[in-house]
Amino acid sequence: RKIFTFAELYLPRLGYAKRAHLMNAMVPGLAGGKMSSSDPNSKIDFLDAPEVVRKKIKAAFCEEGNVAENGILAFVKAVLIP
C-alpha cells in the first residue's frame, strides 16, 4: 500500500497523470487463516479452470461456527455478493 502513496506523490512530479488504483478486501485463505501466494490451494485465482475451483472449494477449511477464518464465506461476501 505504501507504493500507491509513493506513486500518488511522485508520478505527477515526473509528468505522469494522477493514477487510480483498486484495493481488494482482505479475506482469509481457503485453508483457514492468512491467504498465502506460495500455497496455490489457499486462494481462487480468476484464471483458475472451473474444475480447479470446484476442487479448491471442496477442500477448503469450513469449520462449523467458525466465521472469522472461513475463506469460502469471505470470498462469497467480497467477490460474489459484494
N, C-alpha and C. Protein backbone atom coordinates (compact mmCIF):
# COMPACT_ATOMS: atom_id res chain seq x y z
N ARG A 1 0.81 -1.19 0.00
CA ARG A 1 0.00 0.00 0.00
C ARG A 1 0.86 1.26 0.00
N LYS A 2 2.05 1.13 0.51
CA LYS A 2 2.94 2.29 0.53
C LYS A 2 3.33 2.71 -0.89
N ILE A 3 3.40 1.74 -1.80
CA ILE A 3 3.77 2.08 -3.17
C ILE A 3 2.72 2.96 -3.82
N PHE A 4 1.45 2.79 -3.44
CA PHE A 4 0.40 3.63 -4.00
C PHE A 4 0.55 5.07 -3.52
N THR A 5 0.87 5.24 -2.25
CA THR A 5 1.10 6.58 -1.70
C THR A 5 2.30 7.22 -2.38
N PHE A 6 3.34 6.44 -2.56
CA PHE A 6 4.55 6.92 -3.22
C PHE A 6 4.23 7.36 -4.66
N ALA A 7 3.48 6.52 -5.38
CA ALA A 7 3.12 6.84 -6.76
C ALA A 7 2.23 8.07 -6.84
N GLU A 8 1.31 8.20 -5.90
CA GLU A 8 0.41 9.35 -5.90
C GLU A 8 1.19 10.65 -5.70
N LEU A 9 2.22 10.59 -4.91
CA LEU A 9 3.02 11.77 -4.63
C LEU A 9 3.99 12.11 -5.77
N TYR A 10 4.68 11.09 -6.30
CA TYR A 10 5.78 11.36 -7.21
C TYR A 10 5.46 11.27 -8.70
N LEU A 11 4.47 10.50 -9.11
CA LEU A 11 4.18 10.40 -10.55
C LEU A 11 3.79 11.75 -11.16
N PRO A 12 2.93 12.56 -10.51
CA PRO A 12 2.64 13.87 -11.09
C PRO A 12 3.88 14.76 -11.19
N ARG A 13 4.79 14.63 -10.26
CA ARG A 13 6.02 15.42 -10.30
C ARG A 13 6.91 15.02 -11.48
N LEU A 14 6.74 13.79 -11.94
CA LEU A 14 7.52 13.30 -13.07
C LEU A 14 6.81 13.51 -14.40
N GLY A 15 5.64 14.16 -14.36
CA GLY A 15 4.92 14.46 -15.58
C GLY A 15 3.84 13.46 -15.95
N TYR A 16 3.61 12.47 -15.11
CA TYR A 16 2.56 11.49 -15.38
C TYR A 16 1.24 11.95 -14.77
N ALA A 17 0.15 11.50 -15.36
CA ALA A 17 -1.17 11.82 -14.81
C ALA A 17 -1.36 11.08 -13.49
N LYS A 18 -2.21 11.65 -12.66
CA LYS A 18 -2.52 11.00 -11.38
C LYS A 18 -3.19 9.68 -11.68
N ARG A 19 -2.79 8.64 -11.00
CA ARG A 19 -3.32 7.32 -11.28
C ARG A 19 -4.40 6.92 -10.28
N ALA A 20 -5.22 6.01 -10.71
CA ALA A 20 -6.23 5.42 -9.83
C ALA A 20 -5.81 3.99 -9.55
N HIS A 21 -6.19 3.48 -8.40
CA HIS A 21 -5.89 2.09 -8.09
C HIS A 21 -7.04 1.48 -7.31
N LEU A 22 -7.19 0.19 -7.47
CA LEU A 22 -8.25 -0.54 -6.79
C LEU A 22 -7.65 -1.35 -5.65
N MET A 23 -8.35 -1.38 -4.55
CA MET A 23 -7.91 -2.17 -3.41
C MET A 23 -8.90 -3.30 -3.19
N ASN A 24 -8.40 -4.47 -2.91
CA ASN A 24 -9.24 -5.63 -2.65
C ASN A 24 -9.44 -5.80 -1.15
N ALA A 25 -10.55 -6.38 -0.82
CA ALA A 25 -10.79 -6.70 0.59
C ALA A 25 -9.82 -7.80 1.03
N MET A 26 -9.39 -7.74 2.27
CA MET A 26 -8.53 -8.78 2.81
C MET A 26 -9.42 -9.93 3.27
N VAL A 27 -9.23 -11.09 2.69
CA VAL A 27 -10.04 -12.25 3.05
C VAL A 27 -9.13 -13.39 3.50
N PRO A 28 -9.60 -14.24 4.39
CA PRO A 28 -8.79 -15.38 4.81
C PRO A 28 -8.61 -16.37 3.66
N GLY A 29 -7.60 -17.17 3.77
CA GLY A 29 -7.34 -18.19 2.76
C GLY A 29 -8.32 -19.34 2.85
N LEU A 30 -8.34 -20.16 1.83
CA LEU A 30 -9.25 -21.30 1.80
C LEU A 30 -8.85 -22.37 2.81
N ALA A 31 -7.60 -22.34 3.24
CA ALA A 31 -7.13 -23.31 4.22
C ALA A 31 -7.33 -22.81 5.65
N GLY A 32 -7.96 -21.65 5.80
CA GLY A 32 -8.12 -21.04 7.12
C GLY A 32 -6.92 -20.17 7.42
N GLY A 33 -7.11 -19.12 8.15
CA GLY A 33 -6.00 -18.22 8.45
C GLY A 33 -5.65 -17.35 7.26
N LYS A 34 -4.42 -16.90 7.22
CA LYS A 34 -3.97 -15.96 6.20
C LYS A 34 -3.81 -16.62 4.84
N MET A 35 -4.22 -15.89 3.80
CA MET A 35 -4.04 -16.38 2.44
C MET A 35 -2.56 -16.27 2.07
N SER A 36 -2.05 -17.25 1.36
CA SER A 36 -0.64 -17.26 1.01
C SER A 36 -0.47 -17.47 -0.49
N SER A 37 0.29 -16.59 -1.11
CA SER A 37 0.53 -16.74 -2.55
C SER A 37 1.41 -17.96 -2.84
N SER A 38 2.17 -18.42 -1.84
CA SER A 38 3.01 -19.59 -2.05
C SER A 38 2.22 -20.90 -1.97
N ASP A 39 1.00 -20.83 -1.45
CA ASP A 39 0.14 -22.02 -1.38
C ASP A 39 -1.01 -21.84 -2.37
N PRO A 40 -0.92 -22.47 -3.54
CA PRO A 40 -1.96 -22.26 -4.56
C PRO A 40 -3.34 -22.73 -4.14
N ASN A 41 -3.42 -23.60 -3.13
CA ASN A 41 -4.72 -24.09 -2.68
C ASN A 41 -5.38 -23.17 -1.65
N SER A 42 -4.71 -22.09 -1.27
CA SER A 42 -5.29 -21.18 -0.28
C SER A 42 -6.06 -20.04 -0.93
N LYS A 43 -6.10 -20.03 -2.27
CA LYS A 43 -6.78 -18.92 -2.95
C LYS A 43 -7.42 -19.41 -4.24
N ILE A 44 -8.39 -18.65 -4.71
CA ILE A 44 -9.01 -18.92 -6.00
C ILE A 44 -8.56 -17.80 -6.94
N ASP A 45 -7.88 -18.18 -8.00
CA ASP A 45 -7.44 -17.21 -8.99
C ASP A 45 -8.53 -17.03 -10.04
N PHE A 46 -8.63 -15.84 -10.59
CA PHE A 46 -9.64 -15.59 -11.61
C PHE A 46 -9.43 -16.43 -12.86
N LEU A 47 -8.21 -16.87 -13.09
CA LEU A 47 -7.92 -17.67 -14.27
C LEU A 47 -7.96 -19.18 -14.00
N ASP A 48 -8.32 -19.57 -12.79
CA ASP A 48 -8.45 -21.00 -12.48
C ASP A 48 -9.58 -21.61 -13.31
N ALA A 49 -9.33 -22.80 -13.79
CA ALA A 49 -10.37 -23.53 -14.54
C ALA A 49 -11.50 -23.92 -13.58
N PRO A 50 -12.71 -24.06 -14.09
CA PRO A 50 -13.85 -24.41 -13.23
C PRO A 50 -13.62 -25.67 -12.39
N GLU A 51 -12.99 -26.68 -12.96
CA GLU A 51 -12.75 -27.90 -12.18
C GLU A 51 -11.75 -27.67 -11.05
N VAL A 52 -10.80 -26.77 -11.26
CA VAL A 52 -9.83 -26.43 -10.21
C VAL A 52 -10.54 -25.67 -9.09
N VAL A 53 -11.43 -24.76 -9.45
CA VAL A 53 -12.19 -24.01 -8.45
C VAL A 53 -13.04 -24.96 -7.61
N ARG A 54 -13.71 -25.89 -8.26
CA ARG A 54 -14.53 -26.88 -7.53
C ARG A 54 -13.67 -27.67 -6.55
N LYS A 55 -12.51 -28.10 -7.00
CA LYS A 55 -11.60 -28.89 -6.16
C LYS A 55 -11.16 -28.07 -4.94
N LYS A 56 -10.81 -26.81 -5.16
CA LYS A 56 -10.37 -25.95 -4.06
C LYS A 56 -11.49 -25.69 -3.07
N ILE A 57 -12.70 -25.48 -3.57
CA ILE A 57 -13.84 -25.24 -2.68
C ILE A 57 -14.15 -26.48 -1.85
N LYS A 58 -14.11 -27.64 -2.47
CA LYS A 58 -14.39 -28.88 -1.74
C LYS A 58 -13.35 -29.16 -0.66
N ALA A 59 -12.12 -28.73 -0.88
CA ALA A 59 -11.04 -28.98 0.08
C ALA A 59 -10.87 -27.84 1.09
N ALA A 60 -11.67 -26.80 0.98
CA ALA A 60 -11.50 -25.60 1.81
C ALA A 60 -11.84 -25.87 3.28
N PHE A 61 -11.19 -25.10 4.15
CA PHE A 61 -11.46 -25.14 5.58
C PHE A 61 -12.82 -24.51 5.82
N CYS A 62 -13.71 -25.25 6.43
CA CYS A 62 -15.07 -24.76 6.66
C CYS A 62 -15.59 -25.35 7.97
N GLU A 63 -14.97 -24.94 9.06
CA GLU A 63 -15.34 -25.45 10.37
C GLU A 63 -16.67 -24.85 10.82
N GLU A 64 -17.54 -25.67 11.32
CA GLU A 64 -18.85 -25.21 11.77
C GLU A 64 -18.70 -24.17 12.88
N GLY A 65 -19.37 -23.04 12.70
CA GLY A 65 -19.36 -21.98 13.70
C GLY A 65 -18.17 -21.03 13.60
N ASN A 66 -17.18 -21.35 12.79
CA ASN A 66 -16.00 -20.50 12.65
C ASN A 66 -16.19 -19.61 11.42
N VAL A 67 -16.71 -18.42 11.65
CA VAL A 67 -16.99 -17.50 10.56
C VAL A 67 -15.76 -16.64 10.25
N ALA A 68 -14.97 -16.32 11.26
CA ALA A 68 -13.84 -15.41 11.10
C ALA A 68 -12.77 -15.95 10.16
N GLU A 69 -12.51 -17.25 10.18
CA GLU A 69 -11.45 -17.82 9.36
C GLU A 69 -11.99 -18.65 8.20
N ASN A 70 -13.24 -18.44 7.85
CA ASN A 70 -13.87 -19.20 6.78
C ASN A 70 -13.64 -18.48 5.45
N GLY A 71 -12.69 -18.98 4.68
CA GLY A 71 -12.34 -18.36 3.40
C GLY A 71 -13.46 -18.39 2.38
N ILE A 72 -14.28 -19.42 2.41
CA ILE A 72 -15.40 -19.52 1.46
C ILE A 72 -16.42 -18.42 1.71
N LEU A 73 -16.81 -18.23 2.97
CA LEU A 73 -17.77 -17.17 3.29
C LEU A 73 -17.21 -15.80 2.94
N ALA A 74 -15.94 -15.58 3.24
CA ALA A 74 -15.31 -14.30 2.94
C ALA A 74 -15.24 -14.06 1.44
N PHE A 75 -14.94 -15.11 0.67
CA PHE A 75 -14.88 -14.99 -0.79
C PHE A 75 -16.25 -14.64 -1.36
N VAL A 76 -17.28 -15.32 -0.87
CA VAL A 76 -18.64 -15.04 -1.33
C VAL A 76 -19.01 -13.59 -1.02
N LYS A 77 -18.71 -13.15 0.19
CA LYS A 77 -19.06 -11.79 0.60
C LYS A 77 -18.28 -10.74 -0.19
N ALA A 78 -17.00 -10.98 -0.46
CA ALA A 78 -16.16 -9.98 -1.12
C ALA A 78 -16.25 -10.00 -2.64
N VAL A 79 -16.48 -11.18 -3.22
CA VAL A 79 -16.41 -11.30 -4.68
C VAL A 79 -17.76 -11.57 -5.32
N LEU A 80 -18.49 -12.53 -4.81
CA LEU A 80 -19.73 -12.93 -5.47
C LEU A 80 -20.91 -12.04 -5.11
N ILE A 81 -21.02 -11.66 -3.84
CA ILE A 81 -22.15 -10.83 -3.39
C ILE A 81 -21.59 -9.65 -2.60
N PRO A 82 -20.94 -8.72 -3.27
CA PRO A 82 -20.32 -7.59 -2.53
C PRO A 82 -21.34 -6.62 -1.95
